[in-house]
Amino acid sequence: MWKNILISFSLAISTIRSRFFHTVLSVLGIVIGVASLVGILSLIDGMEQYANEQISKTTSLKAIAIINKPDKVVNGIRVRKDSFPLLSYQQINQLHASLTLPSEVFMISRQGREVTMYGNTQRIGTMASGTLPQLSPKSKLILGDSFTGTDLDKQKPVAVVNESFVRSVLDKAQPSGLLGKKVLAGQQELTIIGVTESDTTQPAQLYFPISLLSQNDLRSIRLDYGLEAKNVEDVPALKEQTLTWIANNVPNGKEDFEVITNEFRVEQAAQGFLVFRIIMGFIVGISVLVGGIGVMNVLLISVSERTSEIGVRKAVGAKKRDILLQFLSESVTISVFGSLLGVLIGIGGTMIIVPIVKSVAKVPFQAAYTWNTMLVIAVVAVIVGIVFGTYPALQAAKLDPVEAIRRE
């Protein structure tokens, strides 16, 4: 069986080589279709990769947010609850202690404020955040110290600022120049003890112990709780443990709190790109379909031109399946040949398109050539060869040897 298949493909290659120019013209449709398919799929893969990188930069996939729900829905209308619970600093620590997987806990209250340096009238717009000692998942201390659990318990008036805050105050001076300085945030006088890293696009940020805020303050401004898993794979288990703890330790916890992760953003992006990939695949598939019709046409012509050859082969003992296999082999070989040309042209095309996209959009975008894309192309080539080569092969196999020789 395998010997017959190899012989059939060998004959197919010989036939194609003898009619090379005719074959190239006949597979132009497949070449164009496959090139378009390679280009579109690789660009979509690149877009998905870029989107995932941006999601990972803006939101941590290890983060687990605990959202307080101060509103409820009554008769389809969202209204404010008469009262709703807040998790205290002590409760957050109890939650953290109950978890069985490694993680860090966060509690952040944010509010935009105008602050001034002590003895200076310059007002600085900043995002003031009351936090735990773990400032936030993205914060990296580069100078000085952060406040501690003892500082929170004693309500010590200290603060940590980011580099953007330093630049707003000191211009080109060294960040160490702010350490020990006092800043006025509302009625609160805070001593700066540390500086965190930030780039030029981030706003000025000021962190202080959340215990300095009263319950009324916490209810009137945005309050977020969260966990940061050490490993991404631990996120689902930590989410379940958090939900269980809230249900067991907070009255009406299921109604007043929601626990969410950022995995859904990646899933939504993946679903969107999948839909886009399928739609574009169908559109480009029209070109591949046209190319398949071209293959069928050239094989039908080949059958009529090689009637005598088919008759002679059948007269010397070739069976119907041998003729059928020969023409199917030619069809698949032509389709694979056209697909290979299309892959090369498609990759070359994306190499030209990507620099244009990068220069116009100003983003670090790259096309991605994945095994999935190459597998799709291989499957398409074989399917086109079999589907559009079957009819000409059947026509050739049905020829009567005597009639075929006489017709010539």
Protein backbone atom coordinates (compact mmCIF):
# COMPACT_ATOMS: atom_id res chain seq x y z
CA MET A 1 0.00 0.00 0.00
CA TRP A 2 2.69 2.46 1.03
CA LYS A 3 4.77 1.42 -1.96
CA ASN A 4 1.89 2.27 -4.31
CA ILE A 5 1.41 5.64 -2.62
CA LEU A 6 5.12 6.49 -2.97
CA ILE A 7 5.08 5.47 -6.63
CA SER A 8 1.97 7.60 -7.22
CA PHE A 9 3.59 10.67 -5.65
CA SER A 10 6.78 10.05 -7.63
CA LEU A 11 4.76 9.96 -10.87
CA ALA A 12 2.88 13.09 -9.77
CA ILE A 13 6.11 15.00 -9.20
CA SER A 14 7.45 13.91 -12.60
CA THR A 15 4.26 15.07 -14.31
CA ILE A 16 4.34 18.44 -12.53
CA ARG A 17 8.00 18.98 -13.46
CA SER A 18 7.23 18.31 -17.11
CA ARG A 19 4.42 20.91 -17.05
CA PHE A 20 5.92 23.26 -14.45
CA PHE A 21 4.81 26.62 -15.89
CA HIS A 22 1.29 25.33 -16.48
CA THR A 23 1.19 24.03 -12.90
CA VAL A 24 2.39 27.36 -11.43
CA LEU A 25 -0.34 29.24 -13.28
CA SER A 26 -2.96 26.75 -12.12
CA VAL A 27 -2.05 27.12 -8.44
CA LEU A 28 -1.92 30.93 -8.35
CA GLY A 29 -5.28 30.94 -6.57
CA ILE A 30 -3.97 28.63 -3.86
CA VAL A 31 -0.74 30.64 -3.58
CA ILE A 32 -2.65 33.89 -3.10
CA GLY A 33 -5.16 32.33 -0.73
CA VAL A 34 -2.54 30.62 1.45
CA ALA A 35 -0.31 33.72 1.46
CA SER A 36 -3.29 35.77 2.66
CA LEU A 37 -4.13 33.12 5.25
CA VAL A 38 -0.56 33.03 6.58
CA GLY A 39 -0.36 36.80 6.69
CA ILE A 40 -3.70 37.30 8.43
CA LEU A 41 -3.25 34.48 10.97
CA SER A 42 0.30 35.54 11.84
CA LEU A 43 -0.77 39.18 12.24
CA ILE A 44 -3.74 38.15 14.40
CA ASP A 45 -1.44 35.95 16.51
CA GLY A 46 0.89 38.92 16.87
CA MET A 47 -2.01 41.18 17.87
CA GLU A 48 -3.13 38.64 20.48
CA GLN A 49 0.38 38.34 21.86
CA TYR A 50 0.68 42.14 22.04
CA ALA A 51 -2.72 42.43 23.74
CA ASN A 52 -1.78 39.81 26.34
CA GLU A 53 1.48 41.65 27.05
CA GLN A 54 -0.39 44.93 27.53
CA ILE A 55 -2.93 43.26 29.83
CA SER A 56 -0.11 41.75 31.87
CA LYS A 57 1.58 45.16 32.17
CA THR A 58 -1.55 47.04 33.23
CA THR A 59 -3.14 44.35 35.42
CA SER A 60 -1.43 41.57 37.32
CA LEU A 61 -2.70 38.10 36.47
CA LYS A 62 -1.69 37.09 40.00
CA ALA A 63 -4.02 39.65 41.59
CA ILE A 64 -7.27 38.77 43.37
CA ALA A 65 -9.53 41.75 44.05
CA ILE A 66 -12.07 41.84 46.88
CA ILE A 67 -14.72 44.35 45.84
CA ASN A 68 -17.11 45.92 48.34
CA LYS A 69 -20.65 46.25 46.93
CA PRO A 70 -22.25 49.36 48.50
CA ASP A 71 -25.21 49.26 46.07
CA LYS A 72 -28.07 46.83 45.53
CA VAL A 73 -30.65 46.36 42.78
CA VAL A 74 -34.33 46.87 43.66
CA ASN A 75 -36.94 46.43 40.89
CA GLY A 76 -34.22 46.84 38.30
CA ILE A 77 -32.92 50.07 39.87
CA ARG A 78 -29.49 50.30 41.49
CA VAL A 79 -29.76 52.02 44.88
CA ARG A 80 -27.35 52.71 47.73
CA LYS A 81 -27.54 50.32 50.69
CA ASP A 82 -28.49 51.80 54.05
CA SER A 83 -25.37 50.20 55.49
CA PHE A 84 -22.62 47.92 54.26
CA PRO A 85 -19.64 46.33 56.04
CA LEU A 86 -16.01 47.22 55.54
CA LEU A 87 -13.19 44.81 56.14
CA SER A 88 -10.90 46.15 58.84
CA TYR A 89 -7.14 46.01 58.92
CA GLN A 90 -7.39 43.20 61.50
CA GLN A 91 -9.86 41.19 59.37
CA ILE A 92 -7.64 41.47 56.31
CA ASN A 93 -4.75 40.07 58.36
CA GLN A 94 -6.99 37.25 59.62
CA LEU A 95 -7.97 36.43 56.04
CA HIS A 96 -4.32 36.36 55.03
CA ALA A 97 -3.45 34.05 57.93
CA SER A 98 -6.19 31.60 56.88
CA LEU A 99 -4.84 31.09 53.36
CA THR A 100 -2.89 27.90 52.67
CA LEU A 101 -0.99 29.16 49.61
CA PRO A 102 1.73 31.85 49.47
CA SER A 103 0.42 35.35 48.80
CA GLU A 104 0.53 38.97 49.89
CA VAL A 105 -2.45 41.00 51.05
CA PHE A 106 -3.37 44.59 50.10
CA MET A 107 -5.83 47.17 51.37
CA ILE A 108 -5.89 50.49 49.51
CA SER A 109 -8.05 53.59 49.81
CA ARG A 110 -7.46 56.07 46.99
CA GLN A 111 -8.37 59.73 46.67
CA GLY A 112 -7.07 62.54 44.48
CA ARG A 113 -5.75 65.35 46.65
CA GLU A 114 -3.82 68.59 46.55
CA VAL A 115 -0.90 68.40 48.96
CA THR A 116 1.83 70.85 49.94
CA MET A 117 5.30 70.42 51.33
CA TYR A 118 5.66 71.80 54.86
CA GLY A 119 6.77 75.43 54.69
CA ASN A 120 5.98 75.65 50.94
CA THR A 121 2.87 77.03 49.23
CA GLN A 122 3.29 74.98 46.05
CA ARG A 123 0.28 72.69 45.58
CA ILE A 124 0.91 69.24 44.16
CA GLY A 125 -1.86 67.15 42.62
CA THR A 126 -1.38 63.57 43.78
CA MET A 127 -3.17 60.28 44.25
CA ALA A 128 -3.18 59.79 48.01
CA SER A 129 -3.53 56.15 49.03
CA GLY A 130 -4.04 54.74 52.49
CA THR A 131 -2.50 51.26 52.47
CA LEU A 132 -1.10 48.37 54.49
CA PRO A 133 2.69 47.91 54.70
CA GLN A 134 2.42 46.07 51.36
CA LEU A 135 1.84 49.22 49.31
CA SER A 136 0.53 47.63 46.10
CA PRO A 137 1.46 44.73 43.79
CA LYS A 138 3.25 47.06 41.37
CA SER A 139 5.20 49.16 43.91
CA LYS A 140 8.96 48.73 44.24
CA LEU A 141 10.76 50.58 47.03
CA ILE A 142 14.03 52.11 45.78
CA LEU A 143 14.94 54.45 48.65
CA GLY A 144 14.31 54.62 52.37
CA ASP A 145 11.77 52.43 54.14
CA SER A 146 8.08 51.58 54.05
CA PHE A 147 5.86 51.80 57.11
CA THR A 148 5.31 48.67 59.19
CA GLY A 149 2.42 46.91 60.91
CA THR A 150 3.46 48.63 64.12
CA ASP A 151 3.19 52.00 62.37
CA LEU A 152 -0.38 51.11 61.34
CA ASP A 153 -1.31 49.96 64.85
CA LYS A 154 0.08 53.19 66.37
CA GLN A 155 -1.34 55.35 63.54
CA LYS A 156 2.08 56.81 62.87
CA PRO A 157 1.91 59.82 60.46
CA VAL A 158 4.45 58.66 57.85
CA ALA A 159 4.32 58.48 54.06
CA VAL A 160 6.01 56.90 51.05
CA VAL A 161 6.01 58.73 47.71
CA ASN A 162 6.87 57.67 44.17
CA GLU A 163 9.45 59.14 41.79
CA SER A 164 6.78 61.15 39.94
CA PHE A 165 5.99 62.94 43.22
CA VAL A 166 9.71 63.61 43.71
CA ARG A 167 10.00 65.07 40.20
CA SER A 168 7.02 67.35 40.87
CA VAL A 169 8.73 68.76 43.95
CA LEU A 170 12.46 68.62 43.34
CA ASP A 171 12.67 68.77 39.53
CA LYS A 172 16.15 67.32 38.86
CA ALA A 173 17.30 66.97 42.47
CA GLN A 174 18.07 63.62 44.07
CA PRO A 175 15.09 61.73 45.60
CA SER A 176 16.98 61.40 48.88
CA GLY A 177 16.39 65.11 49.34
CA LEU A 178 12.76 64.40 50.29
CA LEU A 179 13.45 61.82 52.99
CA GLY A 180 12.51 63.24 56.40
CA LYS A 181 10.56 66.13 54.86
CA LYS A 182 6.97 66.78 55.92
CA VAL A 183 3.99 66.96 53.58
CA LEU A 184 0.51 68.32 54.37
CA ALA A 185 -2.35 66.17 53.03
CA GLY A 186 -5.56 67.83 54.14
CA GLN A 187 -5.31 68.20 57.90
CA GLN A 188 -2.71 65.44 58.13
CA GLU A 189 0.99 66.18 58.47
CA LEU A 190 3.05 63.24 57.21
CA THR A 191 6.80 62.55 57.26
CA ILE A 192 8.24 61.08 54.05
CA ILE A 193 10.27 57.94 54.82
CA GLY A 194 10.58 56.19 51.45
CA VAL A 195 10.41 56.47 47.65
CA THR A 196 9.01 53.91 45.17
CA GLU A 197 9.90 53.44 41.51
CA SER A 198 7.71 54.99 38.77
CA ASP A 199 8.07 56.05 35.16
CA THR A 200 7.28 59.45 33.69
CA THR A 201 3.78 58.40 32.61
CA GLN A 202 2.57 57.60 36.13
CA PRO A 203 0.94 60.28 38.30
CA ALA A 204 2.38 61.52 41.58
CA GLN A 205 1.55 59.00 44.32
CA LEU A 206 1.58 59.29 48.10
CA TYR A 207 1.09 56.26 50.37
CA PHE A 208 0.29 56.47 54.09
CA PRO A 209 -1.00 54.04 56.78
CA ILE A 210 -4.66 53.30 56.14
CA SER A 211 -5.28 53.32 59.89
CA LEU A 212 -5.03 57.13 59.75
CA LEU A 213 -8.42 57.17 57.98
CA SER A 214 -11.63 57.02 59.99
CA GLN A 215 -14.55 54.69 59.15
CA ASN A 216 -16.41 57.67 57.70
CA ASP A 217 -13.41 58.45 55.47
CA LEU A 218 -13.28 54.86 54.25
CA ARG A 219 -16.98 54.85 53.39
CA SER A 220 -16.81 58.12 51.47
CA ILE A 221 -13.86 57.28 49.20
CA ARG A 222 -12.79 54.31 47.09
CA LEU A 223 -11.61 51.31 49.12
CA ASP A 224 -10.04 48.22 47.52
CA TYR A 225 -8.87 44.98 49.08
CA GLY A 226 -6.82 42.37 47.34
CA LEU A 227 -4.37 39.52 47.32
CA GLU A 228 -1.33 38.90 45.14
CA ALA A 229 -0.60 35.20 44.59
CA LYS A 230 3.02 34.14 44.39
CA ASN A 231 2.20 31.82 41.49
CA VAL A 232 -0.41 32.36 38.76
CA GLU A 233 -1.58 28.75 39.05
CA ASP A 234 -2.54 29.36 42.71
CA VAL A 235 -5.05 32.10 41.82
CA PRO A 236 -8.19 29.87 41.45
CA ALA A 237 -7.55 28.10 44.79
CA LEU A 238 -6.84 31.37 46.60
CA LYS A 239 -10.02 32.86 45.16
CA GLU A 240 -12.07 29.94 46.52
CA GLN A 241 -10.41 30.17 49.94
CA THR A 242 -11.11 33.92 50.07
CA LEU A 243 -14.77 33.41 49.17
CA THR A 244 -15.09 30.72 51.86
CA TRP A 245 -13.48 32.93 54.52
CA ILE A 246 -15.76 35.88 53.69
CA ALA A 247 -18.86 33.67 53.77
CA ASN A 248 -17.87 32.23 57.17
CA ASN A 249 -16.58 35.38 58.87
CA VAL A 250 -18.52 38.35 57.45
CA PRO A 251 -22.33 38.66 57.94
CA ASN A 252 -24.00 38.75 54.50
CA GLY A 253 -20.53 38.46 53.01
CA LYS A 254 -21.75 36.95 49.73
CA GLU A 255 -24.15 39.86 49.20
CA ASP A 256 -21.74 42.62 50.27
CA PHE A 257 -18.47 41.45 48.69
CA GLU A 258 -17.34 40.16 45.30
CA VAL A 259 -14.05 38.38 44.61
CA ILE A 260 -12.72 38.68 41.06
CA THR A 261 -9.49 37.96 39.19
CA ASN A 262 -8.02 39.41 36.01
CA GLU A 263 -8.02 36.09 34.15
CA PHE A 264 -11.33 37.01 32.53
CA ARG A 265 -9.62 39.87 30.66
CA VAL A 266 -7.24 37.46 28.97
CA GLU A 267 -10.14 35.10 28.25
CA GLN A 268 -12.22 37.93 26.75
CA ALA A 269 -9.31 39.01 24.55
CA ALA A 270 -8.72 35.41 23.45
CA GLN A 271 -12.42 34.99 22.57
CA GLY A 272 -12.43 38.23 20.60
CA PHE A 273 -9.35 37.24 18.61
CA LEU A 274 -10.78 33.76 18.03
CA VAL A 275 -13.94 35.24 16.50
CA PHE A 276 -11.83 37.63 14.40
CA ARG A 277 -9.58 34.74 13.31
CA ILE A 278 -12.56 32.60 12.25
CA ILE A 279 -14.25 35.42 10.32
CA MET A 280 -11.06 36.40 8.49
CA GLY A 281 -10.34 32.72 7.86
CA PHE A 282 -13.71 32.33 6.13
CA ILE A 283 -13.11 35.44 4.03
CA VAL A 284 -9.64 34.32 2.96
CA GLY A 285 -11.02 30.81 2.46
CA ILE A 286 -12.80 32.13 -0.63
CA SER A 287 -9.40 32.63 -2.28
CA VAL A 288 -8.37 29.10 -1.32
CA LEU A 289 -11.67 27.82 -2.76
CA VAL A 290 -10.96 29.59 -6.04
CA GLY A 291 -7.48 28.05 -6.02
CA GLY A 292 -9.00 24.59 -5.48
CA ILE A 293 -11.24 25.08 -8.48
CA GLY A 294 -8.14 25.96 -10.48
CA VAL A 295 -6.51 22.69 -9.39
CA MET A 296 -9.60 20.73 -10.42
CA ASN A 297 -9.64 22.49 -13.78
CA VAL A 298 -6.00 21.73 -14.55
CA LEU A 299 -6.47 18.09 -13.58
CA LEU A 300 -9.56 17.74 -15.79
CA ILE A 301 -7.54 19.14 -18.66
CA SER A 302 -4.73 16.76 -17.75
CA VAL A 303 -7.15 13.80 -17.87
CA SER A 304 -8.31 14.76 -21.37
CA GLU A 305 -4.71 15.30 -22.56
CA ARG A 306 -3.45 12.02 -21.09
CA THR A 307 -6.32 9.77 -22.17
CA SER A 308 -3.98 7.52 -24.15
CA GLU A 309 -1.52 7.25 -21.24
CA ILE A 310 -4.36 6.22 -18.92
CA GLY A 311 -5.60 3.66 -21.45
CA VAL A 312 -2.12 2.13 -21.85
CA ARG A 313 -1.62 1.91 -18.07
CA LYS A 314 -4.97 0.17 -17.62
CA ALA A 315 -4.26 -2.13 -20.57
CA VAL A 316 -1.00 -3.33 -18.96
CA GLY A 317 -2.68 -4.08 -15.62
CA ALA A 318 -3.23 -0.80 -13.70
CA LYS A 319 -6.39 -0.94 -11.65
CA LYS A 320 -8.96 1.80 -11.09
CA ARG A 321 -7.56 2.53 -7.65
CA ASP A 322 -4.05 2.96 -9.13
CA ILE A 323 -5.31 5.60 -11.57
CA LEU A 324 -7.42 7.19 -8.82
CA LEU A 325 -4.42 7.29 -6.48
CA GLN A 326 -2.17 8.77 -9.17
CA PHE A 327 -4.46 11.72 -9.90
CA LEU A 328 -5.23 12.29 -6.21
CA SER A 329 -1.47 12.32 -5.57
CA GLU A 330 -1.03 14.91 -8.31
CA SER A 331 -3.82 17.01 -6.80
CA VAL A 332 -2.38 16.87 -3.28
CA THR A 333 1.15 17.52 -4.58
CA ILE A 334 -0.01 20.55 -6.56
CA SER A 335 -1.91 21.87 -3.54
CA VAL A 336 1.06 21.35 -1.21
CA PHE A 337 3.38 22.99 -3.74
CA GLY A 338 1.05 26.00 -4.01
CA SER A 339 0.71 26.15 -0.22
CA LEU A 340 4.48 26.17 0.28
CA LEU A 341 4.80 29.06 -2.18
CA GLY A 342 1.94 30.79 -0.38
CA VAL A 343 3.62 30.34 3.03
CA LEU A 344 6.86 31.87 1.76
CA ILE A 345 5.05 34.80 0.13
CA GLY A 346 2.83 35.27 3.22
CA ILE A 347 5.82 35.39 5.59
CA GLY A 348 7.63 37.77 3.25
CA GLY A 349 4.55 39.97 3.09
CA THR A 350 4.22 40.22 6.88
CA MET A 351 7.90 41.13 7.13
CA ILE A 352 7.10 44.12 4.94
CA ILE A 353 3.82 45.01 6.69
CA VAL A 354 5.03 44.82 10.31
CA PRO A 355 7.62 47.64 10.07
CA ILE A 356 4.96 49.85 8.47
CA VAL A 357 2.53 49.10 11.31
CA LYS A 358 5.24 49.80 13.91
CA SER A 359 6.19 53.11 12.32
CA VAL A 360 2.59 54.30 11.98
CA ALA A 361 1.12 53.00 15.26
CA LYS A 362 4.31 53.52 17.32
CA VAL A 363 3.86 50.22 19.15
CA PRO A 364 6.28 47.26 19.61
CA PHE A 365 4.19 44.97 17.42
CA GLN A 366 5.47 41.78 15.84
CA ALA A 367 3.85 39.08 13.71
CA ALA A 368 3.79 35.68 15.39
CA TYR A 369 4.36 32.51 13.38
CA THR A 370 2.89 29.68 15.44
CA TRP A 371 2.72 25.94 14.90
CA ASN A 372 -1.08 26.25 14.92
CA THR A 373 -0.93 28.47 11.84
CA MET A 374 1.39 26.08 10.01
CA LEU A 375 -0.82 23.12 10.98
CA VAL A 376 -3.87 24.92 9.58
CA ILE A 377 -2.03 25.55 6.30
CA ALA A 378 -0.96 21.90 6.05
CA VAL A 379 -4.51 20.68 6.69
CA VAL A 380 -5.92 23.16 4.15
CA ALA A 381 -3.43 21.98 1.51
CA VAL A 382 -4.33 18.31 1.95
CA ILE A 383 -8.09 18.95 2.09
CA VAL A 384 -8.03 21.14 -1.04
CA GLY A 385 -5.98 18.51 -2.87
CA ILE A 386 -8.32 15.66 -1.93
CA VAL A 387 -11.63 17.53 -2.35
CA PHE A 388 -10.85 19.15 -5.70
CA GLY A 389 -8.82 16.24 -7.05
CA THR A 390 -11.41 13.56 -6.37
CA TYR A 391 -13.69 14.32 -9.35
CA PRO A 392 -10.90 14.43 -11.99
CA ALA A 393 -9.39 11.27 -10.45
CA LEU A 394 -12.73 9.46 -10.65
CA GLN A 395 -13.14 10.56 -14.25
CA ALA A 396 -9.72 9.19 -15.10
CA ALA A 397 -10.31 5.91 -13.22
CA LYS A 398 -13.60 5.29 -15.06
CA LEU A 399 -12.04 5.47 -18.55
CA ASP A 400 -12.29 2.25 -20.53
CA PRO A 401 -8.75 1.28 -21.71
CA VAL A 402 -9.78 0.32 -25.24
CA GLU A 403 -11.95 3.40 -25.66
CA ALA A 404 -9.21 5.58 -24.16
CA ILE A 405 -6.57 4.31 -26.63
CA ARG A 406 -8.98 4.59 -29.58
CA ARG A 407 -9.90 8.17 -28.56
CA GLU A 408 -6.29 9.23 -28.81
